[in-house]
C-alpha atoms as a PDB file:
ATOM      1  CA  MET A   1      41.884 -98.950 -35.225  1.00  0.00           C
ATOM      2  CA  MET A   2      45.030 -98.511 -37.388  1.00  0.00           C
ATOM      3  CA  VAL A   3      45.883-100.675 -40.342  1.00  0.00           C
ATOM      4  CA  PRO A   4      49.336-102.336 -40.022  1.00  0.00           C
ATOM      5  CA  GLY A   5      51.770-100.842 -42.394  1.00  0.00           C
ATOM      6  CA  MET A   6      49.808 -97.731 -43.131  1.00  0.00           C
ATOM      7  CA  GLU A   7      50.191 -94.287 -41.528  1.00  0.00           C
ATOM      8  CA  HIS A   8      46.760 -92.645 -41.084  1.00  0.00           C
ATOM      9  CA  PRO A   9      44.312 -91.798 -38.311  1.00  0.00           C
ATOM     10  CA  PRO A  10      42.076 -94.453 -36.852  1.00  0.00           C
ATOM     11  CA  LEU A  11      39.364 -95.903 -39.134  1.00  0.00           C
ATOM     12  CA  ALA A  12      36.423 -93.499 -37.844  1.00  0.00           C
ATOM     13  CA  ARG A  13      33.714 -92.273 -39.984  1.00  0.00           C
ATOM     14  CA  PRO A  14      34.814 -88.478 -40.034  1.00  0.00           C
ATOM     15  CA  TYR A  15      38.255 -89.644 -41.344  1.00  0.00           C
ATOM     16  CA  LEU A  16      36.866 -92.070 -43.869  1.00  0.00           C
ATOM     17  CA  ASP A  17      34.339 -89.348 -45.169  1.00  0.00           C
ATOM     18  CA  SER A  18      37.292 -87.071 -45.990  1.00  0.00           C
ATOM     19  CA  LEU A  19      38.889 -89.512 -48.435  1.00  0.00           C
ATOM     20  CA  THR A  20      38.407 -90.136 -52.012  1.00  0.00           C
ATOM     21  CA  THR A  21      36.901 -93.395 -53.216  1.00  0.00           C
ATOM     22  CA  ARG A  22      40.417 -94.424 -54.496  1.00  0.00           C
ATOM     23  CA  GLU A  23      41.992 -93.720 -50.992  1.00  0.00           C
ATOM     24  CA  LEU A  24      39.226 -95.786 -49.517  1.00  0.00           C
ATOM     25  CA  ALA A  25      39.762 -98.681 -51.857  1.00  0.00           C
ATOM     26  CA  ARG A  26      43.578 -98.705 -51.110  1.00  0.00           C
ATOM     27  CA  ILE A  27      42.983 -98.884 -47.305  1.00  0.00           C
ATOM     28  CA  ALA A  28      40.385-101.719 -47.951  1.00  0.00           C
ATOM     29  CA  ASP A  29      43.012-103.575 -49.913  1.00  0.00           C
ATOM     30  CA  ALA A  30      45.506-103.126 -47.153  1.00  0.00           C
ATOM     31  CA  CYS A  31      43.015-104.573 -44.742  1.00  0.00           C
ATOM     32  CA  GLY A  32      42.349-107.681 -47.015  1.00  0.00           C
ATOM     33  CA  ILE A  33      38.836-106.444 -47.854  1.00  0.00           C
ATOM     34  CA  ASP A  34      37.757-107.600 -51.348  1.00  0.00           C
ATOM     35  CA  ILE A  35      36.100-104.498 -52.895  1.00  0.00           C
ATOM     36  CA  PRO A  36      34.253-104.818 -56.432  1.00  0.00           C
ATOM     37  CA  PRO A  37      35.502-102.061 -58.758  1.00  0.00           C
ATOM     38  CA  SER A  38      31.957-100.557 -58.970  1.00  0.00           C
ATOM     39  CA  LEU A  39      31.024-100.514 -55.366  1.00  0.00           C
ATOM     40  CA  GLU A  40      29.954 -97.113 -54.184  1.00  0.00           C
ATOM     41  CA  ARG A  41      31.980 -95.342 -51.609  1.00  0.00           C
ATOM     42  CA  ILE A  42      29.340 -95.376 -48.906  1.00  0.00           C
ATOM     43  CA  PHE A  43      29.468 -99.062 -48.931  1.00  0.00           C
ATOM     44  CA  ILE A  44      33.324 -99.229 -48.874  1.00  0.00           C
ATOM     45  CA  ILE A  45      33.108 -96.983 -45.709  1.00  0.00           C
ATOM     46  CA  GLU A  46      30.712 -99.197 -44.183  1.00  0.00           C
ATOM     47  CA  GLU A  47      32.894-102.325 -44.851  1.00  0.00           C
ATOM     48  CA  LEU A  48      35.821-100.419 -43.266  1.00  0.00           C
ATOM     49  CA  LEU A  49      33.938 -99.593 -40.280  1.00  0.00           C
ATOM     50  CA  ASP A  50      32.664-103.157 -39.751  1.00  0.00           C
ATOM     51  CA  TYR A  51      36.307-104.284 -40.134  1.00  0.00           C
ATOM     52  CA  ALA A  52      37.401-101.876 -37.527  1.00  0.00           C
ATOM     53  CA  ARG A  53      34.680-102.770 -35.055  1.00  0.00           C
ATOM     54  CA  ALA A  54      35.600-106.575 -35.689  1.00  0.00           C
ATOM     55  CA  GLU A  55      39.288-105.861 -34.996  1.00  0.00           C
ATOM     56  CA  GLU A  56      38.410-103.779 -31.847  1.00  0.00           C
ATOM     57  CA  GLU A  57      36.372-106.778 -30.514  1.00  0.00           C
ATOM     58  CA  ASP A  58      39.379-109.064 -31.134  1.00  0.00           C
ATOM     59  CA  GLY A  59      41.511-106.732 -29.338  1.00  0.00           C
ATOM     60  CA  ASP A  60      39.260-106.484 -26.305  1.00  0.00           C
ATOM     61  CA  ASP A  61      39.158-110.202 -25.933  1.00  0.00           C
ATOM     62  CA  GLU A  62      42.909-110.280 -25.963  1.00  0.00           C
ATOM     63  CA  GLU A  63      43.167-107.452 -23.294  1.00  0.00           C
ATOM     64  CA  GLU A  64      40.666-109.049 -20.725  1.00  0.00           C
ATOM     65  CA  GLY A  65      43.572-110.612 -19.133  1.00  0.00           C
ATOM     66  CA  LEU A  66      45.434-107.175 -18.736  1.00  0.00           C
ATOM     67  CA  ALA A  67      42.441-105.456 -17.198  1.00  0.00           C
ATOM     68  CA  GLU A  68      43.409-106.649 -13.694  1.00  0.00           C
ATOM     69  CA  SER A  69      47.100-105.727 -14.125  1.00  0.00           C
ATOM     70  CA  PRO A  70      48.185-102.735 -11.929  1.00  0.00           C
ATOM     71  CA  ASP A  71      50.300-101.429 -14.978  1.00  0.00           C
ATOM     72  CA  CYS A  72      47.146-101.245 -17.159  1.00  0.00           C
ATOM     73  CA  GLN A  73      45.900 -97.635 -17.200  1.00  0.00           C
ATOM     74  CA  GLU A  74      42.333 -96.646 -18.418  1.00  0.00           C
ATOM     75  CA  THR A  75      42.171 -94.238 -21.289  1.00  0.00           C
ATOM     76  CA  ALA A  76      39.117 -92.118 -22.122  1.00  0.00           C
ATOM     77  CA  PRO A  77      37.531 -92.874 -25.679  1.00  0.00           C
ATOM     78  CA  VAL A  78      37.848 -90.223 -28.288  1.00  0.00           C
ATOM     79  CA  PRO A  79      34.330 -88.412 -28.258  1.00  0.00           C
ATOM     80  CA  ARG A  80      32.229 -88.211 -31.513  1.00  0.00           C
ATOM     81  CA  ARG A  81      31.568 -84.452 -30.654  1.00  0.00           C
ATOM     82  CA  TYR A  82      33.565 -82.129 -28.628  1.00  0.00           C
ATOM     83  CA  ASN A  83      30.682 -79.753 -27.983  1.00  0.00           C
ATOM     84  CA  VAL A  84      32.497 -76.693 -28.885  1.00  0.00           C
ATOM     85  CA  THR A  85      31.713 -74.257 -31.918  1.00  0.00           C
ATOM     86  CA  PHE A  86      34.616 -74.244 -34.401  1.00  0.00           C
ATOM     87  CA  ILE A  87      35.479 -74.555 -38.082  1.00  0.00           C
ATOM     88  CA  ASP A  88      38.693 -75.874 -39.532  1.00  0.00           C
ATOM     89  CA  LEU A  89      40.013 -77.110 -42.829  1.00  0.00           C
ATOM     90  CA  MET A  90      42.454 -79.327 -44.663  1.00  0.00           C
ATOM     91  CA  ILE A  91      43.695 -78.679 -48.005  1.00  0.00           C
ATOM     92  CA  ARG A  92      43.539 -81.651 -50.241  1.00  0.00           C
ATOM     93  CA  ASP A  93      45.005 -80.407 -53.560  1.00  0.00           C
ATOM     94  CA  PRO A  94      45.183 -77.120 -55.619  1.00  0.00           C
ATOM     95  CA  LEU A  95      41.312 -77.243 -56.063  1.00  0.00           C
ATOM     96  CA  TRP A  96      39.711 -78.743 -53.168  1.00  0.00           C
ATOM     97  CA  VAL A  97      39.658 -77.888 -49.387  1.00  0.00           C
ATOM     98  CA  PHE A  98      37.847 -80.017 -46.788  1.00  0.00           C
ATOM     99  CA  ALA A  99      36.148 -77.949 -44.227  1.00  0.00           C
ATOM    100  CA  PHE A 100      34.626 -79.351 -40.985  1.00  0.00           C
ATOM    101  CA  TRP A 101      32.914 -77.557 -38.208  1.00  0.00           C
ATOM    102  CA  GLU A 102      30.713 -78.084 -35.134  1.00  0.00           C
ATOM    103  CA  VAL A 103      28.231 -76.021 -33.297  1.00  0.00           C
ATOM    104  CA  ARG A 104      27.797 -76.327 -29.565  1.00  0.00           C
ATOM    105  CA  GLU A 105      24.856 -78.405 -28.900  1.00  0.00           C
ATOM    106  CA  HIS A 106      23.270 -76.056 -26.575  1.00  0.00           C
ATOM    107  CA  ASP A 107      23.712 -72.946 -28.825  1.00  0.00           C
ATOM    108  CA  GLY A 108      22.345 -75.047 -31.906  1.00  0.00           C
ATOM    109  CA  GLU A 109      19.221 -75.780 -30.079  1.00  0.00           C
ATOM    110  CA  ILE A 110      18.556 -72.277 -29.315  1.00  0.00           C
ATOM    111  CA  PHE A 111      19.355 -71.054 -32.885  1.00  0.00           C
ATOM    112  CA  GLU A 112      17.244 -73.682 -34.457  1.00  0.00           C
ATOM    113  CA  GLN A 113      14.176 -73.076 -32.238  1.00  0.00           C
ATOM    114  CA  ASP A 114      14.257 -69.354 -33.086  1.00  0.00           C
ATOM    115  CA  PRO A 115      11.300 -68.521 -35.287  1.00  0.00           C
ATOM    116  CA  ASP A 116      13.610 -66.280 -37.413  1.00  0.00           C
ATOM    117  CA  PHE A 117      16.314 -68.945 -38.015  1.00  0.00           C
ATOM    118  CA  SER A 118      16.988 -69.425 -41.720  1.00  0.00           C
ATOM    119  CA  GLY A 119      19.800 -71.912 -41.534  1.00  0.00           C
ATOM    120  CA  TYR A 120      23.418 -72.151 -41.250  1.00  0.00           C
ATOM    121  CA  CYS A 121      25.873 -71.191 -44.088  1.00  0.00           C
ATOM    122  CA  LEU A 122      29.621 -71.044 -44.782  1.00  0.00           C
ATOM    123  CA  ARG A 123      30.959 -67.799 -45.896  1.00  0.00           C
ATOM    124  CA  VAL A 124      34.145 -67.855 -48.066  1.00  0.00           C
ATOM    125  CA  ARG A 125      35.952 -64.536 -47.695  1.00  0.00           C
ATOM    126  CA  PRO A 126      38.718 -63.932 -50.249  1.00  0.00           C
ATOM    127  CA  ALA A 127      41.782 -62.068 -48.892  1.00  0.00           C
ATOM    128  CA  GLY A 128      44.411 -59.807 -50.514  1.00  0.00           C
ATOM    129  CA  LYS A 129      44.311 -56.868 -52.753  1.00  0.00           C
ATOM    130  CA  GLY A 130      41.670 -56.466 -55.534  1.00  0.00           C
ATOM    131  CA  GLY A 131      38.446 -54.777 -56.429  1.00  0.00           C
ATOM    132  CA  PRO A 132      35.080 -55.284 -54.807  1.00  0.00           C
ATOM    133  CA  ALA A 133      34.104 -58.045 -57.265  1.00  0.00           C
ATOM    134  CA  ARG A 134      37.265 -60.059 -56.734  1.00  0.00           C
ATOM    135  CA  ASN A 135      37.131 -59.597 -52.874  1.00  0.00           C
ATOM    136  CA  ARG A 136      33.426 -60.347 -52.741  1.00  0.00           C
ATOM    137  CA  PRO A 137      32.638 -63.221 -50.230  1.00  0.00           C
ATOM    138  CA  PHE A 138      30.246 -66.013 -51.380  1.00  0.00           C
ATOM    139  CA  MET A 139      27.876 -68.057 -49.318  1.00  0.00           C
ATOM    140  CA  ILE A 140      27.296 -71.735 -49.214  1.00  0.00           C
ATOM    141  CA  GLN A 141      24.215 -73.027 -47.351  1.00  0.00           C
ATOM    142  CA  VAL A 142      24.610 -76.169 -45.126  1.00  0.00           C
ATOM    143  CA  ASP A 143      22.111 -78.256 -43.394  1.00  0.00           C
ATOM    144  CA  PRO A 144      21.856 -78.288 -39.567  1.00  0.00           C
ATOM    145  CA  GLY A 145      23.100 -81.924 -39.479  1.00  0.00           C
ATOM    146  CA  GLU A 146      25.912 -81.288 -41.725  1.00  0.00           C
ATOM    147  CA  THR A 147      29.487 -81.196 -40.119  1.00  0.00           C
ATOM    148  CA  ALA A 148      31.851 -81.283 -43.227  1.00  0.00           C
ATOM    149  CA  ARG A 149      31.829 -80.292 -46.851  1.00  0.00           C
ATOM    150  CA  TYR A 150      34.325 -80.292 -49.716  1.00  0.00           C
ATOM    151  CA  LEU A 151      34.778 -76.878 -51.175  1.00  0.00           C
ATOM    152  CA  GLY A 152      36.111 -76.193 -54.574  1.00  0.00           C
ATOM    153  CA  PHE A 153      38.157 -73.381 -55.980  1.00  0.00           C
ATOM    154  CA  SER A 154      38.291 -73.477 -59.682  1.00  0.00           C
ATOM    155  CA  GLU A 155      39.323 -70.031 -60.534  1.00  0.00           C
ATOM    156  CA  TYR A 156      42.978 -70.675 -60.188  1.00  0.00           C
ATOM    157  CA  PRO A 157      45.265 -68.741 -59.682  1.00  0.00           C
ATOM    158  CA  ALA A 158      43.129 -65.599 -60.068  1.00  0.00           C
ATOM    159  CA  ARG A 159      41.682 -66.142 -56.566  1.00  0.00           C
ATOM    160  CA  SER A 160      44.669 -67.609 -54.753  1.00  0.00           C
ATOM    161  CA  ASP A 161      45.617 -64.642 -52.583  1.00  0.00           C
ATOM    162  CA  GLY A 162      44.030 -66.513 -49.629  1.00  0.00           C
ATOM    163  CA  PHE A 163      40.842 -67.202 -47.907  1.00  0.00           C
ATOM    164  CA  THR A 164      39.064 -67.789 -44.623  1.00  0.00           C
ATOM    165  CA  ILE A 165      35.867 -69.582 -44.085  1.00  0.00           C
ATOM    166  CA  GLU A 166      33.269 -68.245 -41.628  1.00  0.00           C
ATOM    167  CA  LEU A 167      30.592 -70.419 -40.060  1.00  0.00           C
ATOM    168  CA  CYS A 168      27.541 -68.412 -39.588  1.00  0.00           C
ATOM    169  CA  ALA A 169      23.890 -68.909 -38.431  1.00  0.00           C
ATOM    170  CA  GLY A 170      21.206 -66.788 -40.434  1.00  0.00           C
ATOM    171  CA  PHE A 171      18.206 -64.994 -38.809  1.00  0.00           C
ATOM    172  CA  ASN A 172      16.168 -63.283 -41.514  1.00  0.00           C
ATOM    173  CA  GLU A 173      17.984 -59.912 -42.312  1.00  0.00           C
ATOM    174  CA  ARG A 174      21.162 -60.808 -40.229  1.00  0.00           C
ATOM    175  CA  ALA A 175      23.497 -63.589 -39.589  1.00  0.00           C
ATOM    176  CA  GLU A 176      25.444 -64.388 -36.504  1.00  0.00           C
ATOM    177  CA  LEU A 177      29.051 -65.174 -36.966  1.00  0.00           C
ATOM    178  CA  LEU A 178      29.995 -68.354 -35.038  1.00  0.00           C
ATOM    179  CA  ALA A 179      33.403 -69.127 -35.814  1.00  0.00           C
ATOM    180  CA  VAL A 180      36.322 -68.264 -38.316  1.00  0.00           C
ATOM    181  CA  SER A 181      38.713 -70.645 -39.883  1.00  0.00           C
ATOM    182  CA  LYS A 182      42.471 -70.128 -39.969  1.00  0.00           C
ATOM    183  CA  ALA A 183      43.575 -68.246 -43.270  1.00  0.00           C
ATOM    184  CA  PHE A 184      44.653 -70.440 -45.893  1.00  0.00           C
ATOM    185  CA  ARG A 185      46.312 -70.210 -49.357  1.00  0.00           C
ATOM    186  CA  LEU A 186      45.872 -72.800 -52.048  1.00  0.00           C
ATOM    187  CA  PRO A 187      49.059 -74.299 -53.327  1.00  0.00           C
ATOM    188  CA  ARG A 188      50.719 -72.447 -56.204  1.00  0.00           C
ATOM    189  CA  LEU A 189      51.806 -74.453 -59.234  1.00  0.00           C
ATOM    190  CA  PRO A 190      54.303 -73.231 -61.849  1.00  0.00           C
ATOM    191  CA  GLY A 191      52.664 -72.372 -65.037  1.00  0.00           C
ATOM    192  CA  ALA A 192      49.170 -72.673 -63.668  1.00  0.00           C
ATOM    193  CA  CYS A 193      46.146 -71.370 -65.455  1.00  0.00           C
ATOM    194  CA  GLY A 194      42.512 -71.341 -65.311  1.00  0.00           C
ATOM    195  CA  ARG A 195      39.809 -72.433 -67.808  1.00  0.00           C
ATOM    196  CA  ASP A 196      40.692 -69.963 -70.257  1.00  0.00           C
ATOM    197  CA  GLY A 197      44.430 -70.841 -70.453  1.00  0.00           C
ATOM    198  CA  ALA A 198      45.974 -73.119 -73.069  1.00  0.00           C
ATOM    199  CA  GLU A 199      46.780 -75.835 -70.820  1.00  0.00           C
ATOM    200  CA  ALA A 200      46.383 -76.703 -66.970  1.00  0.00           C
ATOM    201  CA  PRO A 201      49.298 -78.443 -65.250  1.00  0.00           C
ATOM    202  CA  PRO A 202      48.651 -82.321 -64.803  1.00  0.00           C
ATOM    203  CA  LEU A 203      47.963 -82.003 -61.025  1.00  0.00           C
ATOM    204  CA  LEU A 204      45.014 -79.569 -61.764  1.00  0.00           C
ATOM    205  CA  SER A 205      43.616 -81.940 -64.209  1.00  0.00           C
ATOM    206  CA  LEU A 206      44.010 -84.777 -61.928  1.00  0.00           C
ATOM    207  CA  SER A 207      42.259 -82.691 -59.283  1.00  0.00           C
ATOM    208  CA  GLY A 208      39.113 -82.445 -61.635  1.00  0.00           C
ATOM    209  CA  LEU A 209      39.587 -78.976 -63.190  1.00  0.00           C
ATOM    210  CA  ASP A 210      38.255 -80.157 -66.550  1.00  0.00           C
ATOM    211  CA  ASP A 211      34.967 -81.440 -64.887  1.00  0.00           C
ATOM    212  CA  PHE A 212      34.698 -78.838 -62.342  1.00  0.00           C
ATOM    213  CA  PRO A 213      31.168 -77.610 -61.747  1.00  0.00           C
ATOM    214  CA  ILE A 214      30.676 -73.852 -61.647  1.00  0.00           C
ATOM    215  CA  LEU A 215      27.773 -72.568 -59.726  1.00  0.00           C
ATOM    216  CA  ARG A 216      26.990 -68.957 -60.586  1.00  0.00           C
ATOM    217  CA  ASP A 217      25.530 -66.433 -58.195  1.00  0.00           C
ATOM    218  CA  THR A 218      22.217 -66.556 -59.996  1.00  0.00           C
ATOM    219  CA  ASP A 219      22.302 -70.448 -59.646  1.00  0.00           C
ATOM    220  CA  ARG A 220      22.636 -70.587 -55.869  1.00  0.00           C
ATOM    221  CA  PRO A 221      19.711 -71.444 -53.700  1.00  0.00           C
ATOM    222  CA  PRO A 222      18.107 -68.375 -52.031  1.00  0.00           C
ATOM    223  CA  PHE A 223      19.711 -67.280 -48.718  1.00  0.00           C
ATOM    224  CA  ARG A 224      18.549 -64.250 -46.887  1.00  0.00           C
ATOM    225  CA  ARG A 225      20.943 -61.237 -47.063  1.00  0.00           C
ATOM    226  CA  VAL A 226      23.646 -61.456 -44.639  1.00  0.00           C
ATOM    227  CA  SER A 227      24.677 -58.202 -43.052  1.00  0.00           C
ATOM    228  CA  GLY A 228      28.356 -57.310 -43.397  1.00  0.00           C
ATOM    229  CA  ALA A 229      28.745 -59.614 -46.467  1.00  0.00           C
END
């Protein structure tokens, strides 16, 4: 369901989950939905999904008379899952990347029933020249039910040579590589600097640089050693 006058994908949960609270409120306003300023994003998403379902039901009533027309062609609904293993991403701003993935249902059942299965993870691998410390990949554990995650890159521009994100399944002392994202590079800003610089460009501040949470290697939850990392 599209909102008149606005260009964006249909109002489906994966798309709404990828938006900021401010963007959700803007779409709700365009739909004529009254959203209190303090309403949490999960409730805004539910309001938008209810609105989309109501609009689709109204549209179905209007199209009942067209169903018998020979010019009316049936179209297949968009599936919630494509049942393929992949990982892809969208760059939101100079600090944030929205990664989304899927594990083929049959493969996921086999992985998760394995007694050595230790969970899924995203392995972020820097590209470009640099020493071992700079090019060292880092791991992010994800739950089996997760299909998307925002990833933050606060060390800007020191680690902006490029990245790929690998989707892996862990099994004790090894990890099976399931899918690799396309290579991506964060947007470069003139005069950009990190936390130790004198001043960050306004766009970085708006992206949340000043309040960016830093998770050190020693603070990360334990994950068994991944071969090849």
